[in-house]
Amino acid sequence: DKQSIVNQHARGVLIKECIRDELLYFQHSQYHVSRLHQDWSQERVKYAELQADNWRALSEELEGMPTGD
């Protein structure tokens, strides 16, 4: 009986430690996922701004072209 109680107590401690480790892993992975999304969105904004600048430059160049009117 005593051994069974010791085993059950050890099992309970192990379960609590596993849950704690899982929560820590989850929190760390949440941070990494958030950081990846922030970095990705910042890169997309930079790319969009560069693309808009290119279109503006092209539009300015085209304004000086004859239209045949």
Protein backbone atom coordinates (compact mmCIF):
# COMPACT_ATOMS: atom_id res chain seq x y z
CA ASP A 1 0.00 0.00 0.00
CA LYS A 2 2.76 2.45 0.93
CA GLN A 3 4.52 1.83 -2.37
CA SER A 4 1.28 2.47 -4.26
CA ILE A 5 0.85 5.80 -2.43
CA VAL A 6 4.45 6.76 -3.18
CA ASN A 7 4.00 5.83 -6.85
CA GLN A 8 0.76 7.83 -7.12
CA HIS A 9 2.38 10.85 -5.47
CA ALA A 10 5.38 10.62 -7.82
CA ARG A 11 2.99 10.33 -10.77
CA GLY A 12 1.12 13.45 -9.61
CA VAL A 13 4.38 15.38 -9.31
CA LEU A 14 5.46 14.23 -12.76
CA ILE A 15 2.12 15.27 -14.27
CA LYS A 16 2.39 18.76 -12.71
CA GLU A 17 5.94 19.16 -14.00
CA CYS A 18 4.91 18.06 -17.48
CA ILE A 19 2.01 20.51 -17.52
CA ARG A 20 4.33 23.30 -16.33
CA ASP A 21 6.84 22.46 -19.08
CA GLU A 22 4.07 22.40 -21.70
CA LEU A 23 2.82 25.82 -20.58
CA LEU A 24 6.34 27.26 -20.71
CA TYR A 25 6.85 25.83 -24.19
CA PHE A 26 3.49 27.23 -25.30
CA GLN A 27 4.33 30.70 -23.99
CA HIS A 28 7.72 30.69 -25.70
CA SER A 29 6.24 29.50 -28.98
CA GLN A 30 3.56 32.20 -28.80
CA TYR A 31 6.30 34.82 -28.48
CA HIS A 32 8.16 33.40 -31.48
CA VAL A 33 5.03 33.21 -33.63
CA SER A 34 4.11 36.79 -32.74
CA ARG A 35 7.62 37.99 -33.55
CA LEU A 36 7.61 36.16 -36.88
CA HIS A 37 4.27 37.73 -37.84
CA GLN A 38 5.50 41.20 -36.88
CA ASP A 39 8.69 40.80 -38.90
CA TRP A 40 6.79 39.41 -41.89
CA SER A 41 4.24 42.23 -41.86
CA GLN A 42 6.98 44.87 -41.59
CA GLU A 43 8.72 43.36 -44.60
CA ARG A 44 5.44 43.38 -46.54
CA VAL A 45 4.94 47.07 -45.72
CA LYS A 46 8.46 47.91 -46.90
CA TYR A 47 7.94 45.97 -50.12
CA ALA A 48 4.59 47.65 -50.74
CA GLU A 49 6.13 51.09 -50.23
CA LEU A 50 8.94 50.29 -52.67
CA GLN A 51 6.45 49.02 -55.21
CA ALA A 52 4.31 52.16 -54.80
CA ASP A 53 7.40 54.32 -55.34
CA ASN A 54 8.15 52.43 -58.55
CA TRP A 55 4.60 52.94 -59.84
CA ARG A 56 4.75 56.65 -58.98
CA ALA A 57 8.05 57.02 -60.84
CA LEU A 58 6.62 55.21 -63.86
CA SER A 59 3.51 57.38 -63.78
CA GLU A 60 5.62 60.54 -63.70
CA GLU A 61 7.68 59.33 -66.65
CA LEU A 62 4.57 58.47 -68.64
CA GLU A 63 2.95 61.86 -68.10
CA GLY A 64 5.52 63.47 -70.38
CA MET A 65 4.82 61.09 -73.28
CA PRO A 66 2.70 62.21 -76.20
CA THR A 67 -0.84 60.85 -76.21
CA GLY A 68 -1.75 61.52 -79.83
CA ASP A 69 -4.54 63.95 -78.98
